[in-house]
Amino acid sequence: MIGAHANHYNAHSIGICYEGSLDANGNPADTRTEAQKRNMLELLKSLCLDYPDAEVTSPGWAFSFKPIKNIKRN
């Protein structure tokens, strides 16, 4: 099944959805637990190994690119 996360890219991309990111008042906030942060990074590492030529883009405002850029691809 083709996802609906990125217009014009859905047929050849992988979308990862993080549910949350709002505080109790509905304002943007990083509500991830340490386990969620760790597991997201592990998932991205695994995908980068499976797809070494893939580009990781648009992780969203709550996600730092720094740990993603340091992922070993091989």
C-alpha atoms as a PDB file:
ATOM      1  CA  MET A   1       0.000   0.000   0.000  1.00  0.00           C
ATOM      2  CA  ILE A   2       1.323   3.447  -0.903  1.00  0.00           C
ATOM      3  CA  GLY A   3       1.360   5.921   1.976  1.00  0.00           C
ATOM      4  CA  ALA A   4       0.199   9.508   1.928  1.00  0.00           C
ATOM      5  CA  HIS A   5       2.986  11.326   3.737  1.00  0.00           C
ATOM      6  CA  ALA A   6       4.749  13.243   0.962  1.00  0.00           C
ATOM      7  CA  ASN A   7       2.996  14.393  -2.191  1.00  0.00           C
ATOM      8  CA  HIS A   8       4.725  13.095  -5.362  1.00  0.00           C
ATOM      9  CA  TYR A   9       7.100  10.859  -3.336  1.00  0.00           C
ATOM     10  CA  ASN A  10       4.752   8.275  -1.812  1.00  0.00           C
ATOM     11  CA  ALA A  11       5.503   5.518  -4.334  1.00  0.00           C
ATOM     12  CA  HIS A  12       9.235   5.532  -3.538  1.00  0.00           C
ATOM     13  CA  SER A  13       9.638   6.654   0.054  1.00  0.00           C
ATOM     14  CA  ILE A  14       9.085   5.531   3.617  1.00  0.00           C
ATOM     15  CA  GLY A  15       7.083   7.724   5.980  1.00  0.00           C
ATOM     16  CA  ILE A  16       7.488   7.464   9.730  1.00  0.00           C
ATOM     17  CA  CYS A  17       4.795   9.003  11.872  1.00  0.00           C
ATOM     18  CA  TYR A  18       5.294  10.166  15.433  1.00  0.00           C
ATOM     19  CA  GLU A  19       2.014  10.686  17.302  1.00  0.00           C
ATOM     20  CA  GLY A  20       2.052  13.510  19.778  1.00  0.00           C
ATOM     21  CA  SER A  21       4.084  16.721  19.923  1.00  0.00           C
ATOM     22  CA  LEU A  22       1.422  18.827  21.615  1.00  0.00           C
ATOM     23  CA  ASP A  23       1.302  19.883  25.244  1.00  0.00           C
ATOM     24  CA  ALA A  24      -1.835  19.771  27.417  1.00  0.00           C
ATOM     25  CA  ASN A  25      -2.961  23.107  25.931  1.00  0.00           C
ATOM     26  CA  GLY A  26      -2.537  21.964  22.318  1.00  0.00           C
ATOM     27  CA  ASN A  27       0.667  23.943  21.755  1.00  0.00           C
ATOM     28  CA  PRO A  28       3.659  22.444  19.915  1.00  0.00           C
ATOM     29  CA  ALA A  29       5.966  20.671  22.364  1.00  0.00           C
ATOM     30  CA  ASP A  30       8.467  17.845  22.318  1.00  0.00           C
ATOM     31  CA  THR A  31       6.495  15.259  24.293  1.00  0.00           C
ATOM     32  CA  ARG A  32       8.611  12.261  23.308  1.00  0.00           C
ATOM     33  CA  THR A  33       9.939   9.991  26.005  1.00  0.00           C
ATOM     34  CA  GLU A  34      13.604   8.997  26.029  1.00  0.00           C
ATOM     35  CA  ALA A  35      12.510   5.546  24.842  1.00  0.00           C
ATOM     36  CA  GLN A  36      10.683   7.076  21.859  1.00  0.00           C
ATOM     37  CA  LYS A  37      13.731   9.157  20.936  1.00  0.00           C
ATOM     38  CA  ARG A  38      16.029   6.150  21.229  1.00  0.00           C
ATOM     39  CA  ASN A  39      13.712   3.885  19.228  1.00  0.00           C
ATOM     40  CA  MET A  40      13.282   6.463  16.458  1.00  0.00           C
ATOM     41  CA  LEU A  41      17.038   6.728  16.082  1.00  0.00           C
ATOM     42  CA  GLU A  42      17.376   2.923  16.033  1.00  0.00           C
ATOM     43  CA  LEU A  43      14.678   2.686  13.350  1.00  0.00           C
ATOM     44  CA  LEU A  44      16.438   5.306  11.243  1.00  0.00           C
ATOM     45  CA  LYS A  45      19.770   3.512  11.676  1.00  0.00           C
ATOM     46  CA  SER A  46      18.203   0.255  10.537  1.00  0.00           C
ATOM     47  CA  LEU A  47      16.584   1.874   7.502  1.00  0.00           C
ATOM     48  CA  CYS A  48      19.844   3.591   6.554  1.00  0.00           C
ATOM     49  CA  LEU A  49      21.593   0.224   6.589  1.00  0.00           C
ATOM     50  CA  ASP A  50      18.845  -1.330   4.457  1.00  0.00           C
ATOM     51  CA  TYR A  51      18.761   1.673   2.091  1.00  0.00           C
ATOM     52  CA  PRO A  52      22.288   3.161   2.118  1.00  0.00           C
ATOM     53  CA  ASP A  53      21.601   5.553  -0.767  1.00  0.00           C
ATOM     54  CA  ALA A  54      18.423   6.939   0.790  1.00  0.00           C
ATOM     55  CA  GLU A  55      18.140  10.529   1.909  1.00  0.00           C
ATOM     56  CA  VAL A  56      16.666  11.264   5.333  1.00  0.00           C
ATOM     57  CA  THR A  57      14.655  14.458   5.087  1.00  0.00           C
ATOM     58  CA  SER A  58      12.166  16.569   6.984  1.00  0.00           C
ATOM     59  CA  PRO A  59      12.263  14.940  10.391  1.00  0.00           C
ATOM     60  CA  GLY A  60      10.089  17.762  11.700  1.00  0.00           C
ATOM     61  CA  TRP A  61      10.693  20.562  14.152  1.00  0.00           C
ATOM     62  CA  ALA A  62      11.058  18.250  17.178  1.00  0.00           C
ATOM     63  CA  PHE A  63      13.808  16.142  15.632  1.00  0.00           C
ATOM     64  CA  SER A  64      17.450  17.167  15.595  1.00  0.00           C
ATOM     65  CA  PHE A  65      19.399  16.368  12.439  1.00  0.00           C
ATOM     66  CA  LYS A  66      22.652  15.967  14.415  1.00  0.00           C
ATOM     67  CA  PRO A  67      22.162  12.313  15.497  1.00  0.00           C
ATOM     68  CA  ILE A  68      20.694  11.455  12.093  1.00  0.00           C
ATOM     69  CA  LYS A  69      23.727  12.825  10.231  1.00  0.00           C
ATOM     70  CA  ASN A  70      26.002  10.643  12.376  1.00  0.00           C
ATOM     71  CA  ILE A  71      24.320   7.369  11.373  1.00  0.00           C
ATOM     72  CA  LYS A  72      26.777   4.899   9.909  1.00  0.00           C
ATOM     73  CA  ARG A  73      25.504   3.704   6.534  1.00  0.00           C
ATOM     74  CA  ASN A  74      27.715   0.620   6.104  1.00  0.00           C
END
